[in-house]
Structure formats: structure tokens, C-alpha cells
N, C-alpha and C. Protein backbone atom coordinates (compact mmCIF):
# COMPACT_ATOMS: atom_id res chain seq x y z
N MET A 1 8.39 -11.15 25.05
CA MET A 1 8.11 -10.90 23.63
C MET A 1 8.97 -9.73 23.15
N ASN A 2 9.50 -9.83 21.92
CA ASN A 2 10.38 -8.76 21.45
C ASN A 2 9.60 -7.53 21.02
N LYS A 3 10.32 -6.43 20.81
CA LYS A 3 9.69 -5.14 20.54
C LYS A 3 8.84 -5.17 19.27
N TYR A 4 9.34 -5.87 18.24
CA TYR A 4 8.59 -5.92 16.98
C TYR A 4 7.26 -6.64 17.18
N LEU A 5 7.28 -7.78 17.86
CA LEU A 5 6.04 -8.51 18.10
C LEU A 5 5.11 -7.73 19.03
N ASP A 6 5.69 -7.01 19.98
CA ASP A 6 4.87 -6.13 20.83
C ASP A 6 4.11 -5.11 19.97
N SER A 7 4.80 -4.55 18.97
CA SER A 7 4.17 -3.56 18.09
C SER A 7 3.04 -4.18 17.28
N LEU A 8 3.26 -5.40 16.80
CA LEU A 8 2.22 -6.07 16.01
C LEU A 8 1.02 -6.43 16.87
N ASN A 9 1.26 -6.76 18.13
CA ASN A 9 0.15 -7.02 19.04
C ASN A 9 -0.59 -5.74 19.40
N TRP A 10 0.14 -4.62 19.40
CA TRP A 10 -0.47 -3.33 19.74
C TRP A 10 -1.40 -2.84 18.64
N ARG A 11 -1.03 -3.07 17.38
CA ARG A 11 -1.80 -2.53 16.27
C ARG A 11 -3.11 -3.30 16.07
N TYR A 12 -4.06 -2.61 15.51
CA TYR A 12 -5.34 -3.20 15.14
C TYR A 12 -5.93 -2.32 14.04
N ALA A 13 -6.97 -2.80 13.39
CA ALA A 13 -7.62 -2.00 12.35
C ALA A 13 -8.47 -0.93 13.04
N THR A 14 -7.92 0.26 13.13
CA THR A 14 -8.54 1.34 13.89
C THR A 14 -9.86 1.77 13.26
N LYS A 15 -10.90 1.81 14.07
CA LYS A 15 -12.23 2.16 13.56
C LYS A 15 -12.56 3.64 13.74
N LYS A 16 -12.01 4.23 14.80
CA LYS A 16 -12.25 5.65 15.05
C LYS A 16 -10.91 6.35 15.28
N PHE A 17 -10.63 7.34 14.44
CA PHE A 17 -9.41 8.11 14.58
C PHE A 17 -9.69 9.43 15.29
N ASP A 18 -8.66 9.95 15.95
CA ASP A 18 -8.73 11.29 16.54
C ASP A 18 -8.43 12.30 15.44
N SER A 19 -9.45 13.00 15.00
CA SER A 19 -9.30 13.91 13.86
C SER A 19 -8.44 15.13 14.18
N GLN A 20 -8.14 15.34 15.46
CA GLN A 20 -7.34 16.51 15.86
C GLN A 20 -5.84 16.22 15.84
N LYS A 21 -5.47 14.97 15.67
CA LYS A 21 -4.05 14.60 15.72
C LYS A 21 -3.51 14.34 14.32
N GLN A 22 -2.39 14.96 14.02
CA GLN A 22 -1.74 14.81 12.72
C GLN A 22 -0.39 14.13 12.88
N ILE A 23 -0.03 13.32 11.92
CA ILE A 23 1.26 12.65 11.93
C ILE A 23 2.35 13.67 11.62
N PRO A 24 3.39 13.77 12.45
CA PRO A 24 4.49 14.69 12.16
C PRO A 24 5.14 14.36 10.82
N GLU A 25 5.64 15.38 10.15
CA GLU A 25 6.20 15.20 8.81
C GLU A 25 7.32 14.17 8.80
N GLU A 26 8.18 14.20 9.81
CA GLU A 26 9.31 13.27 9.84
C GLU A 26 8.83 11.82 9.89
N GLU A 27 7.81 11.56 10.70
CA GLU A 27 7.30 10.20 10.81
C GLU A 27 6.52 9.80 9.56
N LEU A 28 5.81 10.75 8.95
CA LEU A 28 5.14 10.46 7.69
C LEU A 28 6.16 10.06 6.63
N ASN A 29 7.26 10.79 6.58
CA ASN A 29 8.31 10.47 5.61
C ASN A 29 8.90 9.09 5.86
N THR A 30 9.00 8.70 7.13
CA THR A 30 9.47 7.36 7.46
C THR A 30 8.52 6.31 6.91
N LEU A 31 7.22 6.55 7.05
CA LEU A 31 6.23 5.60 6.53
C LEU A 31 6.30 5.51 5.01
N LEU A 32 6.44 6.65 4.36
CA LEU A 32 6.52 6.64 2.90
C LEU A 32 7.79 5.94 2.42
N GLU A 33 8.87 6.10 3.18
CA GLU A 33 10.11 5.41 2.81
C GLU A 33 9.95 3.90 3.00
N ALA A 34 9.20 3.50 4.02
CA ALA A 34 8.93 2.07 4.22
C ALA A 34 8.15 1.51 3.03
N ILE A 35 7.20 2.29 2.52
CA ILE A 35 6.47 1.87 1.33
C ILE A 35 7.42 1.77 0.15
N ARG A 36 8.27 2.77 -0.02
CA ARG A 36 9.18 2.81 -1.16
C ARG A 36 10.14 1.62 -1.14
N LEU A 37 10.54 1.19 0.05
CA LEU A 37 11.50 0.10 0.19
C LEU A 37 10.85 -1.29 0.15
N SER A 38 9.55 -1.33 -0.07
CA SER A 38 8.84 -2.61 -0.05
C SER A 38 9.29 -3.51 -1.19
N PRO A 39 9.26 -4.82 -0.95
CA PRO A 39 9.55 -5.76 -2.03
C PRO A 39 8.42 -5.76 -3.05
N SER A 40 8.76 -6.11 -4.27
CA SER A 40 7.77 -6.36 -5.31
C SER A 40 8.37 -7.34 -6.30
N SER A 41 7.52 -8.01 -7.04
CA SER A 41 8.00 -9.01 -7.98
C SER A 41 8.95 -8.39 -8.98
N TYR A 42 10.14 -8.97 -9.11
CA TYR A 42 11.21 -8.46 -9.96
C TYR A 42 11.71 -7.08 -9.55
N GLY A 43 11.17 -6.52 -8.48
CA GLY A 43 11.52 -5.15 -8.07
C GLY A 43 10.88 -4.08 -8.92
N LEU A 44 9.82 -4.42 -9.68
CA LEU A 44 9.29 -3.50 -10.68
C LEU A 44 8.35 -2.43 -10.11
N GLN A 45 7.77 -2.67 -8.95
CA GLN A 45 6.85 -1.70 -8.33
C GLN A 45 5.83 -1.17 -9.34
N PRO A 46 4.93 -2.03 -9.83
CA PRO A 46 3.96 -1.60 -10.84
C PRO A 46 2.73 -0.91 -10.24
N TYR A 47 2.99 0.18 -9.55
CA TYR A 47 1.92 0.91 -8.87
C TYR A 47 2.35 2.34 -8.59
N HIS A 48 1.39 3.12 -8.11
CA HIS A 48 1.68 4.49 -7.67
C HIS A 48 0.91 4.73 -6.39
N ILE A 49 1.46 5.56 -5.52
CA ILE A 49 0.87 5.80 -4.20
C ILE A 49 0.42 7.26 -4.11
N PHE A 50 -0.81 7.46 -3.65
CA PHE A 50 -1.34 8.81 -3.45
C PHE A 50 -1.51 9.07 -1.96
N ILE A 51 -1.00 10.19 -1.49
CA ILE A 51 -1.12 10.60 -0.09
C ILE A 51 -2.09 11.76 -0.06
N ILE A 52 -3.26 11.54 0.52
CA ILE A 52 -4.35 12.50 0.38
C ILE A 52 -4.66 13.15 1.72
N GLN A 53 -4.56 14.48 1.74
CA GLN A 53 -4.95 15.27 2.90
C GLN A 53 -6.12 16.21 2.58
N ASP A 54 -6.29 16.57 1.33
CA ASP A 54 -7.35 17.50 0.92
C ASP A 54 -8.71 17.00 1.43
N MET A 55 -9.33 17.79 2.31
CA MET A 55 -10.55 17.33 2.97
C MET A 55 -11.75 17.32 2.05
N ASP A 56 -11.81 18.23 1.09
CA ASP A 56 -12.93 18.20 0.15
C ASP A 56 -12.91 16.90 -0.64
N LEU A 57 -11.73 16.52 -1.09
CA LEU A 57 -11.60 15.26 -1.83
C LEU A 57 -11.90 14.08 -0.92
N ARG A 58 -11.43 14.13 0.30
CA ARG A 58 -11.65 13.01 1.21
C ARG A 58 -13.13 12.84 1.56
N GLU A 59 -13.86 13.94 1.62
CA GLU A 59 -15.31 13.83 1.84
C GLU A 59 -15.97 13.08 0.69
N LYS A 60 -15.51 13.37 -0.53
CA LYS A 60 -16.07 12.67 -1.69
C LYS A 60 -15.66 11.20 -1.67
N LEU A 61 -14.43 10.93 -1.27
CA LEU A 61 -13.97 9.55 -1.18
C LEU A 61 -14.70 8.80 -0.06
N LYS A 62 -15.04 9.51 1.00
CA LYS A 62 -15.81 8.89 2.09
C LYS A 62 -17.15 8.40 1.59
N ALA A 63 -17.80 9.22 0.75
CA ALA A 63 -19.09 8.81 0.19
C ALA A 63 -18.96 7.56 -0.67
N ALA A 64 -17.76 7.38 -1.26
CA ALA A 64 -17.50 6.19 -2.08
C ALA A 64 -16.91 5.06 -1.25
N SER A 65 -16.89 5.25 0.08
CA SER A 65 -16.32 4.25 0.99
C SER A 65 -17.35 3.85 2.05
N TRP A 66 -18.61 3.86 1.62
CA TRP A 66 -19.71 3.41 2.49
C TRP A 66 -19.83 4.28 3.74
N GLY A 67 -19.36 5.54 3.65
CA GLY A 67 -19.50 6.47 4.76
C GLY A 67 -18.59 6.21 5.93
N GLN A 68 -17.54 5.44 5.75
CA GLN A 68 -16.66 5.10 6.86
C GLN A 68 -15.84 6.32 7.31
N SER A 69 -15.90 6.59 8.61
CA SER A 69 -15.32 7.83 9.15
C SER A 69 -13.80 7.86 9.07
N GLN A 70 -13.16 6.70 8.97
CA GLN A 70 -11.70 6.68 8.91
C GLN A 70 -11.17 7.50 7.73
N ILE A 71 -11.92 7.55 6.66
CA ILE A 71 -11.48 8.23 5.44
C ILE A 71 -11.20 9.71 5.71
N THR A 72 -12.04 10.33 6.54
CA THR A 72 -11.89 11.76 6.80
C THR A 72 -11.27 12.07 8.16
N ASP A 73 -11.38 11.18 9.11
CA ASP A 73 -10.90 11.49 10.47
C ASP A 73 -9.42 11.18 10.66
N ALA A 74 -8.88 10.28 9.86
CA ALA A 74 -7.46 9.95 9.99
C ALA A 74 -6.59 11.13 9.56
N SER A 75 -5.35 11.11 9.99
CA SER A 75 -4.42 12.18 9.62
C SER A 75 -4.21 12.22 8.11
N HIS A 76 -3.98 11.06 7.51
CA HIS A 76 -3.74 10.97 6.08
C HIS A 76 -4.45 9.74 5.52
N LEU A 77 -4.78 9.80 4.25
CA LEU A 77 -5.34 8.67 3.55
C LEU A 77 -4.35 8.25 2.46
N ILE A 78 -3.95 6.99 2.50
CA ILE A 78 -3.01 6.46 1.52
C ILE A 78 -3.77 5.59 0.53
N VAL A 79 -3.66 5.92 -0.75
CA VAL A 79 -4.33 5.15 -1.80
C VAL A 79 -3.26 4.43 -2.63
N PHE A 80 -3.38 3.12 -2.70
CA PHE A 80 -2.48 2.30 -3.51
C PHE A 80 -3.17 2.02 -4.84
N ALA A 81 -2.55 2.46 -5.92
CA ALA A 81 -3.15 2.30 -7.25
C ALA A 81 -2.21 1.49 -8.13
N ASN A 82 -2.70 0.36 -8.59
CA ASN A 82 -1.87 -0.53 -9.41
C ASN A 82 -2.02 -0.21 -10.89
N ASN A 83 -1.00 -0.56 -11.66
CA ASN A 83 -1.06 -0.44 -13.11
C ASN A 83 -2.13 -1.39 -13.65
N THR A 84 -2.99 -0.89 -14.51
CA THR A 84 -4.00 -1.76 -15.11
C THR A 84 -3.41 -2.61 -16.23
N SER A 85 -2.32 -2.16 -16.81
CA SER A 85 -1.57 -2.92 -17.79
C SER A 85 -0.18 -2.30 -17.86
N PHE A 86 0.68 -2.83 -18.68
CA PHE A 86 2.02 -2.25 -18.84
C PHE A 86 2.64 -2.84 -20.09
N ASP A 87 3.68 -2.17 -20.57
CA ASP A 87 4.43 -2.67 -21.71
C ASP A 87 5.91 -2.73 -21.36
N THR A 88 6.75 -2.80 -22.35
CA THR A 88 8.18 -2.95 -22.09
C THR A 88 8.78 -1.75 -21.37
N ASP A 89 8.11 -0.60 -21.41
CA ASP A 89 8.64 0.58 -20.72
C ASP A 89 8.82 0.33 -19.23
N LEU A 90 7.90 -0.44 -18.62
CA LEU A 90 8.00 -0.72 -17.19
C LEU A 90 9.33 -1.39 -16.88
N ILE A 91 9.70 -2.35 -17.70
CA ILE A 91 10.93 -3.10 -17.48
C ILE A 91 12.15 -2.28 -17.89
N ASP A 92 12.05 -1.59 -19.01
CA ASP A 92 13.19 -0.79 -19.48
C ASP A 92 13.53 0.33 -18.50
N ASN A 93 12.50 0.97 -17.94
CA ASN A 93 12.75 2.03 -16.95
C ASN A 93 13.38 1.47 -15.68
N TYR A 94 12.95 0.27 -15.29
CA TYR A 94 13.55 -0.37 -14.12
C TYR A 94 15.02 -0.68 -14.37
N LEU A 95 15.32 -1.22 -15.54
CA LEU A 95 16.71 -1.57 -15.86
C LEU A 95 17.59 -0.33 -15.91
N ALA A 96 17.05 0.78 -16.42
CA ALA A 96 17.81 2.03 -16.44
C ALA A 96 18.13 2.48 -15.02
N ASN A 97 17.17 2.28 -14.11
CA ASN A 97 17.38 2.63 -12.70
C ASN A 97 18.45 1.74 -12.08
N VAL A 98 18.38 0.44 -12.37
CA VAL A 98 19.40 -0.49 -11.87
C VAL A 98 20.78 -0.09 -12.38
N SER A 99 20.84 0.23 -13.66
CA SER A 99 22.12 0.60 -14.28
C SER A 99 22.72 1.81 -13.59
N GLU A 100 21.89 2.82 -13.34
CA GLU A 100 22.39 4.05 -12.71
C GLU A 100 22.73 3.83 -11.24
N THR A 101 21.86 3.12 -10.53
CA THR A 101 22.04 2.93 -9.09
C THR A 101 23.25 2.08 -8.77
N ARG A 102 23.46 1.03 -9.56
CA ARG A 102 24.52 0.07 -9.26
C ARG A 102 25.75 0.24 -10.16
N ASP A 103 25.70 1.25 -11.01
CA ASP A 103 26.81 1.54 -11.91
C ASP A 103 27.17 0.30 -12.75
N ILE A 104 26.13 -0.21 -13.41
CA ILE A 104 26.28 -1.37 -14.28
C ILE A 104 25.94 -0.95 -15.71
N GLU A 105 26.73 -1.38 -16.66
CA GLU A 105 26.42 -1.08 -18.06
C GLU A 105 25.04 -1.64 -18.42
N LEU A 106 24.22 -0.82 -19.05
CA LEU A 106 22.86 -1.21 -19.36
C LEU A 106 22.80 -2.48 -20.21
N ASN A 107 23.73 -2.60 -21.15
CA ASN A 107 23.69 -3.79 -22.02
C ASN A 107 23.98 -5.08 -21.26
N ASN A 108 24.65 -4.97 -20.11
CA ASN A 108 24.89 -6.16 -19.29
C ASN A 108 23.63 -6.67 -18.60
N LEU A 109 22.62 -5.80 -18.56
CA LEU A 109 21.36 -6.16 -17.91
C LEU A 109 20.34 -6.72 -18.91
N GLN A 110 20.69 -6.70 -20.18
CA GLN A 110 19.73 -7.11 -21.22
C GLN A 110 19.21 -8.54 -21.03
N PRO A 111 20.05 -9.51 -20.69
CA PRO A 111 19.52 -10.87 -20.50
C PRO A 111 18.43 -10.94 -19.43
N TYR A 112 18.64 -10.22 -18.32
CA TYR A 112 17.62 -10.21 -17.27
C TYR A 112 16.36 -9.51 -17.76
N GLY A 113 16.54 -8.42 -18.48
CA GLY A 113 15.41 -7.71 -19.05
C GLY A 113 14.62 -8.59 -20.00
N ASP A 114 15.32 -9.32 -20.86
CA ASP A 114 14.65 -10.22 -21.80
C ASP A 114 13.89 -11.31 -21.07
N PHE A 115 14.47 -11.79 -19.96
CA PHE A 115 13.78 -12.81 -19.17
C PHE A 115 12.47 -12.27 -18.59
N MET A 116 12.53 -11.07 -18.00
CA MET A 116 11.31 -10.48 -17.44
C MET A 116 10.26 -10.25 -18.51
N LYS A 117 10.69 -9.75 -19.65
CA LYS A 117 9.75 -9.49 -20.74
C LYS A 117 9.10 -10.78 -21.22
N SER A 118 9.87 -11.86 -21.24
CA SER A 118 9.32 -13.14 -21.69
C SER A 118 8.26 -13.67 -20.74
N LYS A 119 8.36 -13.28 -19.47
CA LYS A 119 7.41 -13.77 -18.46
C LYS A 119 6.19 -12.86 -18.31
N LEU A 120 6.33 -11.58 -18.65
CA LEU A 120 5.29 -10.62 -18.30
C LEU A 120 4.57 -9.97 -19.48
N ILE A 121 5.29 -9.61 -20.50
CA ILE A 121 4.72 -8.72 -21.51
C ILE A 121 3.57 -9.34 -22.28
N ASP A 122 3.61 -10.62 -22.56
CA ASP A 122 2.56 -11.25 -23.36
C ASP A 122 1.37 -11.75 -22.54
N LEU A 123 1.39 -11.49 -21.24
CA LEU A 123 0.25 -11.87 -20.42
C LEU A 123 -0.98 -11.07 -20.81
N PRO A 124 -2.19 -11.65 -20.72
CA PRO A 124 -3.41 -10.87 -20.96
C PRO A 124 -3.51 -9.72 -19.97
N ASP A 125 -4.19 -8.65 -20.37
CA ASP A 125 -4.28 -7.47 -19.51
C ASP A 125 -4.91 -7.78 -18.16
N ASN A 126 -5.91 -8.67 -18.13
CA ASN A 126 -6.54 -8.97 -16.84
C ASN A 126 -5.58 -9.67 -15.89
N ILE A 127 -4.66 -10.47 -16.42
CA ILE A 127 -3.65 -11.13 -15.59
C ILE A 127 -2.61 -10.11 -15.13
N LYS A 128 -2.22 -9.21 -16.04
CA LYS A 128 -1.29 -8.15 -15.65
C LYS A 128 -1.86 -7.31 -14.52
N GLU A 129 -3.15 -6.96 -14.64
CA GLU A 129 -3.76 -6.12 -13.61
C GLU A 129 -3.84 -6.85 -12.28
N SER A 130 -4.19 -8.13 -12.31
CA SER A 130 -4.26 -8.91 -11.08
C SER A 130 -2.87 -9.02 -10.44
N TRP A 131 -1.86 -9.25 -11.25
CA TRP A 131 -0.49 -9.37 -10.74
C TRP A 131 -0.03 -8.06 -10.11
N SER A 132 -0.27 -6.95 -10.79
CA SER A 132 0.19 -5.67 -10.26
C SER A 132 -0.58 -5.28 -9.00
N ALA A 133 -1.87 -5.64 -8.93
CA ALA A 133 -2.64 -5.34 -7.72
C ALA A 133 -2.08 -6.08 -6.52
N ARG A 134 -1.65 -7.31 -6.73
CA ARG A 134 -1.09 -8.07 -5.61
C ARG A 134 0.19 -7.44 -5.08
N GLN A 135 0.92 -6.78 -5.92
CA GLN A 135 2.15 -6.12 -5.46
C GLN A 135 1.86 -5.00 -4.47
N THR A 136 0.72 -4.34 -4.63
CA THR A 136 0.40 -3.24 -3.72
C THR A 136 0.20 -3.74 -2.29
N TYR A 137 -0.22 -5.00 -2.15
CA TYR A 137 -0.44 -5.52 -0.80
C TYR A 137 0.87 -5.78 -0.07
N LEU A 138 1.93 -6.04 -0.82
CA LEU A 138 3.24 -6.13 -0.18
C LEU A 138 3.64 -4.78 0.40
N ALA A 139 3.39 -3.73 -0.38
CA ALA A 139 3.69 -2.37 0.10
C ALA A 139 2.80 -1.99 1.28
N LEU A 140 1.53 -2.38 1.21
CA LEU A 140 0.63 -2.13 2.32
C LEU A 140 1.13 -2.80 3.59
N GLY A 141 1.59 -4.05 3.49
CA GLY A 141 2.09 -4.75 4.66
C GLY A 141 3.27 -4.03 5.30
N ASN A 142 4.17 -3.51 4.46
CA ASN A 142 5.30 -2.75 5.00
C ASN A 142 4.82 -1.50 5.73
N LEU A 143 3.83 -0.82 5.15
CA LEU A 143 3.28 0.37 5.80
C LEU A 143 2.70 0.02 7.17
N LEU A 144 1.92 -1.04 7.25
CA LEU A 144 1.28 -1.40 8.52
C LEU A 144 2.31 -1.73 9.58
N SER A 145 3.35 -2.46 9.20
CA SER A 145 4.38 -2.83 10.18
C SER A 145 5.18 -1.62 10.63
N ALA A 146 5.56 -0.77 9.66
CA ALA A 146 6.34 0.42 10.01
C ALA A 146 5.53 1.35 10.90
N ALA A 147 4.25 1.49 10.61
CA ALA A 147 3.40 2.36 11.43
C ALA A 147 3.28 1.80 12.84
N ALA A 148 3.11 0.50 12.97
CA ALA A 148 3.02 -0.10 14.30
C ALA A 148 4.28 0.15 15.10
N ASP A 149 5.42 0.08 14.44
CA ASP A 149 6.69 0.31 15.11
C ASP A 149 6.77 1.74 15.64
N LEU A 150 6.13 2.69 14.93
CA LEU A 150 6.13 4.09 15.35
C LEU A 150 4.94 4.44 16.24
N LYS A 151 4.13 3.43 16.55
CA LYS A 151 2.89 3.64 17.32
C LYS A 151 1.98 4.64 16.60
N ILE A 152 1.88 4.44 15.30
CA ILE A 152 0.92 5.17 14.47
C ILE A 152 -0.15 4.17 14.06
N ASP A 153 -1.39 4.57 14.20
CA ASP A 153 -2.51 3.66 13.93
C ASP A 153 -2.84 3.62 12.44
N THR A 154 -3.40 2.49 12.04
CA THR A 154 -3.73 2.29 10.64
C THR A 154 -5.05 1.53 10.51
N CYS A 155 -5.65 1.67 9.36
CA CYS A 155 -6.81 0.84 9.02
C CYS A 155 -6.74 0.53 7.54
N PRO A 156 -6.30 -0.69 7.17
CA PRO A 156 -6.34 -1.07 5.75
C PRO A 156 -7.79 -1.29 5.34
N MET A 157 -8.15 -0.84 4.15
CA MET A 157 -9.56 -0.84 3.77
C MET A 157 -9.75 -1.30 2.32
N GLU A 158 -10.68 -2.23 2.15
CA GLU A 158 -11.13 -2.64 0.83
C GLU A 158 -12.59 -2.26 0.59
N GLY A 159 -13.22 -1.70 1.61
CA GLY A 159 -14.63 -1.33 1.52
C GLY A 159 -14.83 0.01 0.85
N PHE A 160 -14.70 0.03 -0.46
CA PHE A 160 -14.90 1.28 -1.21
C PHE A 160 -15.25 0.93 -2.65
N GLU A 161 -15.68 1.93 -3.40
CA GLU A 161 -16.04 1.75 -4.81
C GLU A 161 -14.84 2.16 -5.67
N PRO A 162 -14.08 1.20 -6.19
CA PRO A 162 -12.88 1.54 -6.95
C PRO A 162 -13.16 2.46 -8.14
N GLU A 163 -14.28 2.24 -8.81
CA GLU A 163 -14.57 3.05 -9.99
C GLU A 163 -14.71 4.53 -9.62
N THR A 164 -15.34 4.80 -8.48
CA THR A 164 -15.51 6.20 -8.05
C THR A 164 -14.17 6.79 -7.63
N TYR A 165 -13.38 6.02 -6.90
CA TYR A 165 -12.03 6.47 -6.55
C TYR A 165 -11.25 6.81 -7.80
N ASN A 166 -11.30 5.91 -8.78
CA ASN A 166 -10.56 6.12 -10.02
C ASN A 166 -11.00 7.40 -10.72
N GLU A 167 -12.30 7.65 -10.69
CA GLU A 167 -12.82 8.86 -11.34
C GLU A 167 -12.38 10.11 -10.59
N LEU A 168 -12.51 10.10 -9.28
CA LEU A 168 -12.16 11.28 -8.48
C LEU A 168 -10.67 11.59 -8.54
N LEU A 169 -9.85 10.57 -8.67
CA LEU A 169 -8.40 10.76 -8.70
C LEU A 169 -7.83 10.82 -10.11
N GLY A 170 -8.71 10.69 -11.11
CA GLY A 170 -8.25 10.74 -12.50
C GLY A 170 -7.30 9.62 -12.86
N LEU A 171 -7.58 8.42 -12.35
CA LEU A 171 -6.64 7.33 -12.52
C LEU A 171 -6.74 6.64 -13.87
N LYS A 172 -7.91 6.63 -14.46
CA LYS A 172 -8.07 5.89 -15.72
C LYS A 172 -7.11 6.39 -16.78
N ASP A 173 -6.99 7.70 -16.88
CA ASP A 173 -6.09 8.28 -17.89
C ASP A 173 -4.62 7.98 -17.59
N LYS A 174 -4.35 7.64 -16.33
CA LYS A 174 -2.97 7.31 -15.93
C LYS A 174 -2.69 5.81 -16.03
N GLY A 175 -3.70 5.02 -16.45
CA GLY A 175 -3.51 3.58 -16.52
C GLY A 175 -3.42 2.93 -15.16
N LEU A 176 -4.14 3.50 -14.17
CA LEU A 176 -4.08 3.01 -12.79
C LEU A 176 -5.46 2.63 -12.29
N ASN A 177 -5.49 1.82 -11.24
CA ASN A 177 -6.73 1.40 -10.60
C ASN A 177 -6.51 1.32 -9.10
N THR A 178 -7.45 1.83 -8.32
CA THR A 178 -7.34 1.77 -6.87
C THR A 178 -7.51 0.33 -6.40
N SER A 179 -6.50 -0.21 -5.74
CA SER A 179 -6.57 -1.60 -5.28
C SER A 179 -6.89 -1.70 -3.80
N VAL A 180 -6.31 -0.83 -2.98
CA VAL A 180 -6.52 -0.87 -1.54
C VAL A 180 -6.15 0.51 -0.98
N VAL A 181 -6.75 0.88 0.14
CA VAL A 181 -6.42 2.15 0.78
C VAL A 181 -6.10 1.90 2.25
N ALA A 182 -5.40 2.85 2.84
CA ALA A 182 -5.08 2.75 4.27
C ALA A 182 -5.23 4.12 4.91
N ALA A 183 -6.05 4.20 5.94
CA ALA A 183 -6.14 5.40 6.76
C ALA A 183 -5.06 5.30 7.83
N ILE A 184 -4.33 6.40 8.05
CA ILE A 184 -3.25 6.39 9.04
C ILE A 184 -3.38 7.61 9.95
N GLY A 185 -3.10 7.42 11.22
CA GLY A 185 -3.22 8.51 12.17
C GLY A 185 -3.14 8.00 13.60
N TYR A 186 -4.02 8.49 14.46
CA TYR A 186 -3.98 8.12 15.87
C TYR A 186 -5.39 7.78 16.35
N ARG A 187 -5.49 6.69 17.08
CA ARG A 187 -6.78 6.20 17.55
C ARG A 187 -7.48 7.18 18.47
N SER A 188 -8.78 7.20 18.38
CA SER A 188 -9.59 7.98 19.30
C SER A 188 -9.76 7.21 20.60
N GLU A 189 -9.82 7.92 21.71
CA GLU A 189 -10.07 7.26 22.98
C GLU A 189 -11.44 6.59 23.00
N GLU A 190 -12.33 7.03 22.10
CA GLU A 190 -13.67 6.47 22.03
C GLU A 190 -13.75 5.20 21.19
N ASP A 191 -12.64 4.78 20.61
CA ASP A 191 -12.65 3.58 19.79
C ASP A 191 -12.55 2.35 20.68
N ASP A 192 -13.69 1.72 20.93
CA ASP A 192 -13.72 0.56 21.82
C ASP A 192 -12.93 -0.62 21.27
N THR A 193 -12.73 -0.64 19.95
CA THR A 193 -12.05 -1.78 19.32
C THR A 193 -10.64 -1.96 19.86
N GLN A 194 -10.01 -0.88 20.32
CA GLN A 194 -8.64 -0.98 20.79
C GLN A 194 -8.51 -1.86 22.03
N HIS A 195 -9.62 -2.09 22.71
CA HIS A 195 -9.59 -2.87 23.94
C HIS A 195 -9.89 -4.35 23.70
N TYR A 196 -10.24 -4.69 22.47
CA TYR A 196 -10.54 -6.09 22.19
C TYR A 196 -9.25 -6.92 22.14
N LYS A 197 -9.33 -8.14 22.60
CA LYS A 197 -8.20 -9.05 22.47
C LYS A 197 -8.01 -9.41 21.00
N LYS A 198 -6.75 -9.50 20.58
CA LYS A 198 -6.46 -9.86 19.20
C LYS A 198 -6.82 -11.32 18.96
N VAL A 199 -7.53 -11.56 17.87
CA VAL A 199 -7.97 -12.91 17.54
C VAL A 199 -7.21 -13.39 16.30
N ARG A 200 -6.41 -14.42 16.47
CA ARG A 200 -5.67 -15.04 15.38
C ARG A 200 -5.70 -16.56 15.58
N GLN A 201 -5.45 -17.31 14.51
CA GLN A 201 -5.34 -18.75 14.64
C GLN A 201 -4.16 -19.11 15.54
N SER A 202 -4.25 -20.24 16.19
CA SER A 202 -3.14 -20.71 17.00
C SER A 202 -1.99 -21.15 16.10
N LYS A 203 -0.80 -21.19 16.67
CA LYS A 203 0.36 -21.66 15.91
C LYS A 203 0.15 -23.10 15.42
N GLU A 204 -0.52 -23.89 16.23
CA GLU A 204 -0.74 -25.29 15.87
C GLU A 204 -1.62 -25.43 14.63
N LEU A 205 -2.61 -24.55 14.51
CA LEU A 205 -3.50 -24.61 13.35
C LEU A 205 -2.89 -23.94 12.12
N LEU A 206 -2.11 -22.90 12.34
CA LEU A 206 -1.66 -22.08 11.22
C LEU A 206 -0.41 -22.62 10.55
N PHE A 207 0.48 -23.23 11.33
CA PHE A 207 1.79 -23.60 10.80
C PHE A 207 1.95 -25.12 10.70
N THR A 208 2.58 -25.54 9.62
CA THR A 208 3.00 -26.92 9.46
C THR A 208 4.48 -26.95 9.15
N HIS A 209 5.25 -27.56 10.03
CA HIS A 209 6.69 -27.69 9.82
C HIS A 209 6.95 -29.00 9.11
N ILE A 210 7.65 -28.93 8.00
CA ILE A 210 7.92 -30.13 7.20
C ILE A 210 9.43 -30.40 7.17
């Protein structure tokens, strides 16, 4: 089995973290860069990422996460917050970035911008929010894979109260909503889950070659 698949077999949703172990800054930056480089629809990245170490805040977030110890015991808590809505600024800012990064005249990008606006801007807000939330899961997937490659443990989590997270992080005023969180750090030796065999569907059940 190749190294990448070995890493994916090694990782699991860590239930107990070693609260004494912290992720080195260099490796944390690698994980954040993996998030930054994640794909998203049209490349728009309609979300913002919060990296939370403040323990007072994490204790409050733990209470809003059904008391799960990963929230406070992990080295860092990553909160993925999607845009609850957006307007043409999202697309215009992206095009300005493309223009600067690739040294392309902005007016040459207008047809692509008009195409994106025709597909996205008139959508109802609930559809926009659903679409942007799904983009955060692409970024989450990149984080999980990159962490496994570095032998850093993770636990993706949906078991929390988004409204309380939004209030504690002041997200409503920013037009954001907590979609998913990930605790990252190092497994505790007391976490029995690490010894369980990984359970996945067989290739025969999961894949259909056409």
C-alpha cells in the first residue's frame, strides 16, 4: 500500500486527545495552507476559517458541543464558517485576485464574471447558504488528508449548536454561519478507538465501473 493510503488508514475520528501536546507552528501552517489551497466551486471560497486556541472561549464552545472533550483537549479547534449569503462583491473580489495573480486585464475576465453572476447571484438566500456550506466540506477534506500525512490527529465534528457558536464568535454580523468544526492535535494513549479496525464498504459495494 502506498504512503498516502497508509496515512488514510492510520487516521480516525479521534475521541480523546492528549491535552499536553501542541502542534508545532510549522506543521500548523502546513495544515492551514492545505485548507487555503482547497478546491471550491468557481474558486470563490465562500467561507472563513477560525483557528481557536483561547481556552476560555473553547470551554464555552464545549458547552455548545454536547460536552465533547475534543473541543478543549485538542491542540487547536478549527471552525469552518460559510457565507450565509453573498452579492456581486464575492465574484468581483475573486476576479480582482485572478487579475492580479495571473497578470490578466480585469476587463478580459468580465465574461467569466458575468457567467458566474448569472448562475449565483439570483439564487434564494437559503440556496446560497446551502451551496456555500458545502464548499467548507471540501476544505475540511483537505485538512483531514493533510493532517493524516503529517501524522496529526483530527476529529471532524457536526455535533454542536451552530447558533451558539455563531453568537460566541460574533458571526451573524459578519454574514457567516458555523457549518462544521475540526479538532486537531495528537491522540491520547487512553483513546481505545485508535485500536479499532477501520470499517468501510467494500470496493465491490461502493464502486460501479461503467
